[in-house]
Amino acid sequence: MSAKLSKQELKGPDIFQSTFERVSDYISENKTRFYVIVTSIVVAFGIAFGTYFYWNNYQTSAAEIYAKAQENMARSAQARSPEMANESIKMYKELIDKYPRSSSAQMARYHLGNIYYHTGEIDNAIASYKDFVSSAKSDDTGIKFLALTSLGYCFEAKKDIKGALSYFEDAQKTDSVGFESIGFRNIARIYEQLNDKKKALENYQNALLLATDPSMIIFIKRKISSLS
């Protein structure tokens, strides 16, 4: 059996009904404003959902091309085939052209640099590495370190020793956890070429403190001994 309503409850207005009536009155008096607000909310939600689905499809499509290019690059490395390497270059370029803002395109720029470097196209490698670095944001994977270090190798190959040193030093300023010893060793080698034994020795000593590979530890100790 349902509970009986008190006289006070019978006399007083229902809360939901009174609220609904106030809202209805407001809408009647402010129809234009109400419809503008509702339309704005609907449009905002539509844009948000549309952007999400567009961006998700954008990244997915880019990732598909990236996966094919990676697979082809792995096969070309095993076969040592210039033709397959060129095919990978085409795939990476297609990815960058079609989906330039995707994370896959960002990595494609780095891989292009690697391919060009290994095929001896140093200027193209430099351009690709620079594209990667200029668009790279925060980096907690060490890829930016590797790209800057690769630029150092490129300039070293072009006999631009000071240019190489600049990139090796920039690489050391990035998040290079796990690569610090390599970075110091590269800088030390460049200072050797510049006949600055003091700075070369200092950087080899820093490299030794962070080295973990036994053969590399022996190599660095020999360098330190020869410079001392």
C-alpha atoms as a PDB file:
ATOM      1  CA  MET A   1       0.000   0.000   0.000  1.00  0.00           C
ATOM      2  CA  SER A   2       1.359   3.432  -0.894  1.00  0.00           C
ATOM      3  CA  ALA A   3       1.904   5.988   1.858  1.00  0.00           C
ATOM      4  CA  LYS A   4      -0.682   8.745   2.246  1.00  0.00           C
ATOM      5  CA  LEU A   5       0.303  12.303   1.351  1.00  0.00           C
ATOM      6  CA  SER A   6       0.135  14.897   4.099  1.00  0.00           C
ATOM      7  CA  LYS A   7      -1.959  18.047   3.741  1.00  0.00           C
ATOM      8  CA  GLN A   8       1.226  20.078   3.393  1.00  0.00           C
ATOM      9  CA  GLU A   9       2.357  17.885   0.525  1.00  0.00           C
ATOM     10  CA  LEU A  10      -1.047  18.109  -1.171  1.00  0.00           C
ATOM     11  CA  LYS A  11      -1.133  21.881  -0.918  1.00  0.00           C
ATOM     12  CA  GLY A  12       2.513  22.464  -1.951  1.00  0.00           C
ATOM     13  CA  PRO A  13       3.584  22.227  -5.617  1.00  0.00           C
ATOM     14  CA  ASP A  14       5.472  19.173  -6.857  1.00  0.00           C
ATOM     15  CA  ILE A  15       9.222  20.030  -7.016  1.00  0.00           C
ATOM     16  CA  PHE A  16       9.796  18.432 -10.421  1.00  0.00           C
ATOM     17  CA  GLN A  17       6.661  20.040 -11.860  1.00  0.00           C
ATOM     18  CA  SER A  18       7.535  23.511 -10.582  1.00  0.00           C
ATOM     19  CA  THR A  19      11.105  23.215 -11.913  1.00  0.00           C
ATOM     20  CA  PHE A  20       9.848  22.030 -15.283  1.00  0.00           C
ATOM     21  CA  GLU A  21       7.408  24.931 -15.431  1.00  0.00           C
ATOM     22  CA  ARG A  22      10.181  27.443 -14.680  1.00  0.00           C
ATOM     23  CA  VAL A  23      12.378  25.965 -17.396  1.00  0.00           C
ATOM     24  CA  SER A  24       9.465  25.997 -19.852  1.00  0.00           C
ATOM     25  CA  ASP A  25       8.762  29.631 -19.029  1.00  0.00           C
ATOM     26  CA  TYR A  26      12.415  30.532 -19.551  1.00  0.00           C
ATOM     27  CA  ILE A  27      12.515  28.751 -22.923  1.00  0.00           C
ATOM     28  CA  SER A  28       9.301  30.474 -24.029  1.00  0.00           C
ATOM     29  CA  GLU A  29      10.715  33.875 -23.114  1.00  0.00           C
ATOM     30  CA  ASN A  30      14.202  33.212 -24.550  1.00  0.00           C
ATOM     31  CA  LYS A  31      13.603  30.959 -27.531  1.00  0.00           C
ATOM     32  CA  THR A  32      16.347  32.412 -29.711  1.00  0.00           C
ATOM     33  CA  ARG A  33      18.999  32.231 -26.995  1.00  0.00           C
ATOM     34  CA  PHE A  34      17.933  28.702 -26.031  1.00  0.00           C
ATOM     35  CA  TYR A  35      18.139  27.397 -29.593  1.00  0.00           C
ATOM     36  CA  VAL A  36      21.524  29.049 -30.093  1.00  0.00           C
ATOM     37  CA  ILE A  37      22.868  27.370 -26.936  1.00  0.00           C
ATOM     38  CA  VAL A  38      21.450  23.947 -27.874  1.00  0.00           C
ATOM     39  CA  THR A  39      22.740  24.238 -31.436  1.00  0.00           C
ATOM     40  CA  SER A  40      26.206  25.237 -30.175  1.00  0.00           C
ATOM     41  CA  ILE A  41      26.338  22.231 -27.855  1.00  0.00           C
ATOM     42  CA  VAL A  42      25.243  19.826 -30.602  1.00  0.00           C
ATOM     43  CA  VAL A  43      27.761  21.292 -33.056  1.00  0.00           C
ATOM     44  CA  ALA A  44      30.563  21.105 -30.457  1.00  0.00           C
ATOM     45  CA  PHE A  45      29.844  17.443 -29.763  1.00  0.00           C
ATOM     46  CA  GLY A  46      29.631  16.753 -33.492  1.00  0.00           C
ATOM     47  CA  ILE A  47      33.001  18.382 -34.120  1.00  0.00           C
ATOM     48  CA  ALA A  48      34.600  16.530 -31.194  1.00  0.00           C
ATOM     49  CA  PHE A  49      33.365  13.130 -32.337  1.00  0.00           C
ATOM     50  CA  GLY A  50      34.162  13.901 -35.979  1.00  0.00           C
ATOM     51  CA  THR A  51      37.695  14.994 -35.110  1.00  0.00           C
ATOM     52  CA  TYR A  52      38.260  11.881 -33.015  1.00  0.00           C
ATOM     53  CA  PHE A  53      37.133   9.495 -35.758  1.00  0.00           C
ATOM     54  CA  TYR A  54      39.023  11.430 -38.448  1.00  0.00           C
ATOM     55  CA  TRP A  55      42.260  11.477 -36.439  1.00  0.00           C
ATOM     56  CA  ASN A  56      41.913   7.803 -35.518  1.00  0.00           C
ATOM     57  CA  ASN A  57      41.437   6.854 -39.184  1.00  0.00           C
ATOM     58  CA  TYR A  58      44.300   9.205 -40.177  1.00  0.00           C
ATOM     59  CA  GLN A  59      46.762   7.531 -37.786  1.00  0.00           C
ATOM     60  CA  THR A  60      45.559   4.025 -38.660  1.00  0.00           C
ATOM     61  CA  SER A  61      45.975   4.570 -42.401  1.00  0.00           C
ATOM     62  CA  ALA A  62      49.455   6.007 -41.843  1.00  0.00           C
ATOM     63  CA  ALA A  63      50.420   3.064 -39.627  1.00  0.00           C
ATOM     64  CA  GLU A  64      49.426   0.582 -42.350  1.00  0.00           C
ATOM     65  CA  ILE A  65      51.820   2.159 -44.870  1.00  0.00           C
ATOM     66  CA  TYR A  66      54.517   2.386 -42.200  1.00  0.00           C
ATOM     67  CA  ALA A  67      54.204  -1.334 -41.378  1.00  0.00           C
ATOM     68  CA  LYS A  68      54.570  -2.269 -45.066  1.00  0.00           C
ATOM     69  CA  ALA A  69      57.612  -0.010 -45.440  1.00  0.00           C
ATOM     70  CA  GLN A  70      59.229  -1.492 -42.325  1.00  0.00           C
ATOM     71  CA  GLU A  71      58.636  -5.019 -43.561  1.00  0.00           C
ATOM     72  CA  ASN A  72      60.107  -4.157 -46.952  1.00  0.00           C
ATOM     73  CA  MET A  73      63.112  -2.452 -45.330  1.00  0.00           C
ATOM     74  CA  ALA A  74      63.808  -5.556 -43.221  1.00  0.00           C
ATOM     75  CA  ARG A  75      63.736  -7.737 -46.329  1.00  0.00           C
ATOM     76  CA  SER A  76      65.994  -5.346 -48.254  1.00  0.00           C
ATOM     77  CA  ALA A  77      68.518  -5.378 -45.385  1.00  0.00           C
ATOM     78  CA  GLN A  78      68.621  -9.171 -45.449  1.00  0.00           C
ATOM     79  CA  ALA A  79      68.840  -9.337 -49.229  1.00  0.00           C
ATOM     80  CA  ARG A  80      71.098  -6.271 -49.458  1.00  0.00           C
ATOM     81  CA  SER A  81      69.007  -5.190 -52.416  1.00  0.00           C
ATOM     82  CA  PRO A  82      69.267  -1.552 -53.636  1.00  0.00           C
ATOM     83  CA  GLU A  83      65.995  -2.017 -55.526  1.00  0.00           C
ATOM     84  CA  MET A  84      64.124  -2.979 -52.348  1.00  0.00           C
ATOM     85  CA  ALA A  85      65.760  -0.073 -50.496  1.00  0.00           C
ATOM     86  CA  ASN A  86      64.435   2.273 -53.176  1.00  0.00           C
ATOM     87  CA  GLU A  87      60.993   0.728 -52.751  1.00  0.00           C
ATOM     88  CA  SER A  88      61.157   1.486 -49.022  1.00  0.00           C
ATOM     89  CA  ILE A  89      62.108   5.073 -49.834  1.00  0.00           C
ATOM     90  CA  LYS A  90      59.019   5.387 -52.057  1.00  0.00           C
ATOM     91  CA  MET A  91      56.778   4.003 -49.314  1.00  0.00           C
ATOM     92  CA  TYR A  92      58.164   6.340 -46.669  1.00  0.00           C
ATOM     93  CA  LYS A  93      57.811   9.334 -48.986  1.00  0.00           C
ATOM     94  CA  GLU A  94      54.222   8.364 -49.779  1.00  0.00           C
ATOM     95  CA  LEU A  95      53.498   8.140 -46.068  1.00  0.00           C
ATOM     96  CA  ILE A  96      55.000  11.568 -45.381  1.00  0.00           C
ATOM     97  CA  ASP A  97      53.134  13.152 -48.326  1.00  0.00           C
ATOM     98  CA  LYS A  98      49.739  11.684 -47.432  1.00  0.00           C
ATOM     99  CA  TYR A  99      49.891  11.789 -43.620  1.00  0.00           C
ATOM    100  CA  PRO A 100      52.549  14.404 -42.703  1.00  0.00           C
ATOM    101  CA  ARG A 101      51.194  15.000 -39.177  1.00  0.00           C
ATOM    102  CA  SER A 102      51.027  11.335 -38.171  1.00  0.00           C
ATOM    103  CA  SER A 103      53.428   9.735 -35.713  1.00  0.00           C
ATOM    104  CA  SER A 104      54.264   7.170 -38.415  1.00  0.00           C
ATOM    105  CA  ALA A 105      55.380   9.938 -40.784  1.00  0.00           C
ATOM    106  CA  GLN A 106      57.625  11.283 -38.050  1.00  0.00           C
ATOM    107  CA  MET A 107      59.425   7.940 -37.774  1.00  0.00           C
ATOM    108  CA  ALA A 108      59.471   7.631 -41.571  1.00  0.00           C
ATOM    109  CA  ARG A 109      61.624  10.781 -41.736  1.00  0.00           C
ATOM    110  CA  TYR A 110      64.150   9.157 -39.394  1.00  0.00           C
ATOM    111  CA  HIS A 111      64.220   5.869 -41.336  1.00  0.00           C
ATOM    112  CA  LEU A 112      64.643   7.737 -44.610  1.00  0.00           C
ATOM    113  CA  GLY A 113      67.742   9.345 -43.152  1.00  0.00           C
ATOM    114  CA  ASN A 114      69.121   5.926 -42.238  1.00  0.00           C
ATOM    115  CA  ILE A 115      68.525   4.518 -45.720  1.00  0.00           C
ATOM    116  CA  TYR A 116      70.112   7.508 -47.424  1.00  0.00           C
ATOM    117  CA  TYR A 117      73.100   7.371 -45.070  1.00  0.00           C
ATOM    118  CA  HIS A 118      73.747   3.685 -45.750  1.00  0.00           C
ATOM    119  CA  THR A 119      73.399   4.168 -49.523  1.00  0.00           C
ATOM    120  CA  GLY A 120      75.886   7.040 -49.428  1.00  0.00           C
ATOM    121  CA  GLU A 121      73.379   9.815 -50.207  1.00  0.00           C
ATOM    122  CA  ILE A 122      74.671  12.016 -47.409  1.00  0.00           C
ATOM    123  CA  ASP A 123      72.916  15.253 -48.401  1.00  0.00           C
ATOM    124  CA  ASN A 124      69.550  13.487 -48.585  1.00  0.00           C
ATOM    125  CA  ALA A 125      70.273  11.826 -45.248  1.00  0.00           C
ATOM    126  CA  ILE A 126      71.005  15.222 -43.680  1.00  0.00           C
ATOM    127  CA  ALA A 127      67.750  16.661 -45.042  1.00  0.00           C
ATOM    128  CA  SER A 128      65.716  13.733 -43.681  1.00  0.00           C
ATOM    129  CA  TYR A 129      67.352  13.784 -40.249  1.00  0.00           C
ATOM    130  CA  LYS A 130      66.827  17.543 -40.019  1.00  0.00           C
ATOM    131  CA  ASP A 131      63.145  17.120 -40.912  1.00  0.00           C
ATOM    132  CA  PHE A 132      62.817  14.598 -38.110  1.00  0.00           C
ATOM    133  CA  VAL A 133      64.622  16.756 -35.539  1.00  0.00           C
ATOM    134  CA  SER A 134      62.709  19.937 -36.431  1.00  0.00           C
ATOM    135  CA  SER A 135      59.356  18.232 -35.920  1.00  0.00           C
ATOM    136  CA  ALA A 136      60.348  16.075 -32.945  1.00  0.00           C
ATOM    137  CA  LYS A 137      58.785  17.062 -29.625  1.00  0.00           C
ATOM    138  CA  SER A 138      59.546  15.476 -26.285  1.00  0.00           C
ATOM    139  CA  ASP A 139      61.647  12.366 -26.658  1.00  0.00           C
ATOM    140  CA  ASP A 140      61.922   9.711 -23.977  1.00  0.00           C
ATOM    141  CA  THR A 141      62.981   6.929 -26.363  1.00  0.00           C
ATOM    142  CA  GLY A 142      66.354   8.284 -27.454  1.00  0.00           C
ATOM    143  CA  ILE A 143      65.381   8.609 -31.146  1.00  0.00           C
ATOM    144  CA  LYS A 144      66.138  12.328 -31.199  1.00  0.00           C
ATOM    145  CA  PHE A 145      69.568  11.560 -29.749  1.00  0.00           C
ATOM    146  CA  LEU A 146      70.141   9.013 -32.520  1.00  0.00           C
ATOM    147  CA  ALA A 147      69.007  11.451 -35.223  1.00  0.00           C
ATOM    148  CA  LEU A 148      71.298  14.218 -33.978  1.00  0.00           C
ATOM    149  CA  THR A 149      74.149  11.743 -33.637  1.00  0.00           C
ATOM    150  CA  SER A 150      73.502  10.555 -37.192  1.00  0.00           C
ATOM    151  CA  LEU A 151      73.699  14.165 -38.360  1.00  0.00           C
ATOM    152  CA  GLY A 152      77.081  14.311 -36.646  1.00  0.00           C
ATOM    153  CA  TYR A 153      78.208  11.225 -38.586  1.00  0.00           C
ATOM    154  CA  CYS A 154      76.958  12.794 -41.829  1.00  0.00           C
ATOM    155  CA  PHE A 155      78.934  15.985 -41.300  1.00  0.00           C
ATOM    156  CA  GLU A 156      81.961  13.955 -40.250  1.00  0.00           C
ATOM    157  CA  ALA A 157      81.663  12.020 -43.529  1.00  0.00           C
ATOM    158  CA  LYS A 158      81.610  15.374 -45.365  1.00  0.00           C
ATOM    159  CA  LYS A 159      84.808  16.357 -43.489  1.00  0.00           C
ATOM    160  CA  ASP A 160      82.943  19.161 -41.714  1.00  0.00           C
ATOM    161  CA  ILE A 161      84.461  18.390 -38.326  1.00  0.00           C
ATOM    162  CA  LYS A 162      83.161  21.443 -36.483  1.00  0.00           C
ATOM    163  CA  GLY A 163      79.673  20.839 -37.867  1.00  0.00           C
ATOM    164  CA  ALA A 164      79.871  17.249 -36.650  1.00  0.00           C
ATOM    165  CA  LEU A 165      80.964  18.391 -33.187  1.00  0.00           C
ATOM    166  CA  SER A 166      77.987  20.758 -32.957  1.00  0.00           C
ATOM    167  CA  TYR A 167      75.517  17.941 -33.610  1.00  0.00           C
ATOM    168  CA  PHE A 168      77.255  15.500 -31.272  1.00  0.00           C
ATOM    169  CA  GLU A 169      77.103  18.103 -28.504  1.00  0.00           C
ATOM    170  CA  ASP A 170      73.417  18.808 -29.253  1.00  0.00           C
ATOM    171  CA  ALA A 171      72.732  15.082 -29.022  1.00  0.00           C
ATOM    172  CA  GLN A 172      74.221  14.980 -25.515  1.00  0.00           C
ATOM    173  CA  LYS A 173      71.747  17.656 -24.406  1.00  0.00           C
ATOM    174  CA  THR A 174      68.738  15.480 -25.259  1.00  0.00           C
ATOM    175  CA  ASP A 175      67.201  12.650 -23.259  1.00  0.00           C
ATOM    176  CA  SER A 176      69.992  10.188 -24.028  1.00  0.00           C
ATOM    177  CA  VAL A 177      69.619   7.660 -21.207  1.00  0.00           C
ATOM    178  CA  GLY A 178      71.647   4.594 -22.168  1.00  0.00           C
ATOM    179  CA  PHE A 179      73.552   6.418 -24.920  1.00  0.00           C
ATOM    180  CA  GLU A 180      75.646   8.847 -22.869  1.00  0.00           C
ATOM    181  CA  SER A 181      78.874   6.873 -23.237  1.00  0.00           C
ATOM    182  CA  ILE A 182      78.487   6.790 -27.015  1.00  0.00           C
ATOM    183  CA  GLY A 183      77.890  10.531 -27.036  1.00  0.00           C
ATOM    184  CA  PHE A 184      80.989  11.340 -25.006  1.00  0.00           C
ATOM    185  CA  ARG A 185      83.044   8.987 -27.172  1.00  0.00           C
ATOM    186  CA  ASN A 186      81.906  10.724 -30.357  1.00  0.00           C
ATOM    187  CA  ILE A 187      82.742  14.140 -28.936  1.00  0.00           C
ATOM    188  CA  ALA A 188      86.147  12.897 -27.765  1.00  0.00           C
ATOM    189  CA  ARG A 189      86.942  11.531 -31.234  1.00  0.00           C
ATOM    190  CA  ILE A 190      86.121  14.873 -32.845  1.00  0.00           C
ATOM    191  CA  TYR A 191      88.326  16.755 -30.392  1.00  0.00           C
ATOM    192  CA  GLU A 192      91.127  14.334 -31.288  1.00  0.00           C
ATOM    193  CA  GLN A 193      90.700  15.325 -34.941  1.00  0.00           C
ATOM    194  CA  LEU A 194      90.809  18.978 -33.870  1.00  0.00           C
ATOM    195  CA  ASN A 195      94.057  18.249 -31.968  1.00  0.00           C
ATOM    196  CA  ASP A 196      92.502  19.318 -28.674  1.00  0.00           C
ATOM    197  CA  LYS A 197      93.923  16.532 -26.489  1.00  0.00           C
ATOM    198  CA  LYS A 198      92.718  18.061 -23.241  1.00  0.00           C
ATOM    199  CA  LYS A 199      89.042  18.031 -24.213  1.00  0.00           C
ATOM    200  CA  ALA A 200      89.405  14.683 -25.965  1.00  0.00           C
ATOM    201  CA  LEU A 201      90.813  13.166 -22.766  1.00  0.00           C
ATOM    202  CA  GLU A 202      88.065  14.741 -20.647  1.00  0.00           C
ATOM    203  CA  ASN A 203      85.319  13.269 -22.823  1.00  0.00           C
ATOM    204  CA  TYR A 204      86.946   9.825 -22.999  1.00  0.00           C
ATOM    205  CA  GLN A 205      87.099   9.824 -19.209  1.00  0.00           C
ATOM    206  CA  ASN A 206      83.381  10.694 -19.054  1.00  0.00           C
ATOM    207  CA  ALA A 207      82.677   7.934 -21.569  1.00  0.00           C
ATOM    208  CA  LEU A 208      84.621   5.433 -19.453  1.00  0.00           C
ATOM    209  CA  LEU A 209      82.536   6.217 -16.360  1.00  0.00           C
ATOM    210  CA  LEU A 210      79.350   5.294 -18.249  1.00  0.00           C
ATOM    211  CA  ALA A 211      80.627   2.452 -20.440  1.00  0.00           C
ATOM    212  CA  THR A 212      79.265  -1.055 -19.838  1.00  0.00           C
ATOM    213  CA  ASP A 213      80.597  -3.057 -22.795  1.00  0.00           C
ATOM    214  CA  PRO A 214      83.882  -4.792 -21.803  1.00  0.00           C
ATOM    215  CA  SER A 215      85.501  -4.409 -25.235  1.00  0.00           C
ATOM    216  CA  MET A 216      84.572  -0.719 -25.347  1.00  0.00           C
ATOM    217  CA  ILE A 217      85.971  -0.177 -21.841  1.00  0.00           C
ATOM    218  CA  ILE A 218      89.319  -1.605 -23.034  1.00  0.00           C
ATOM    219  CA  PHE A 219      89.227   0.618 -26.135  1.00  0.00           C
ATOM    220  CA  ILE A 220      88.514   3.786 -24.116  1.00  0.00           C
ATOM    221  CA  LYS A 221      91.242   2.972 -21.577  1.00  0.00           C
ATOM    222  CA  ARG A 222      93.744   2.663 -24.430  1.00  0.00           C
ATOM    223  CA  LYS A 223      92.621   6.039 -25.768  1.00  0.00           C
ATOM    224  CA  ILE A 224      93.010   7.637 -22.344  1.00  0.00           C
ATOM    225  CA  SER A 225      96.435   6.083 -21.962  1.00  0.00           C
ATOM    226  CA  SER A 226      97.608   7.369 -25.350  1.00  0.00           C
ATOM    227  CA  LEU A 227      96.308  10.881 -24.672  1.00  0.00           C
ATOM    228  CA  SER A 228      97.782  10.979 -21.173  1.00  0.00           C
END
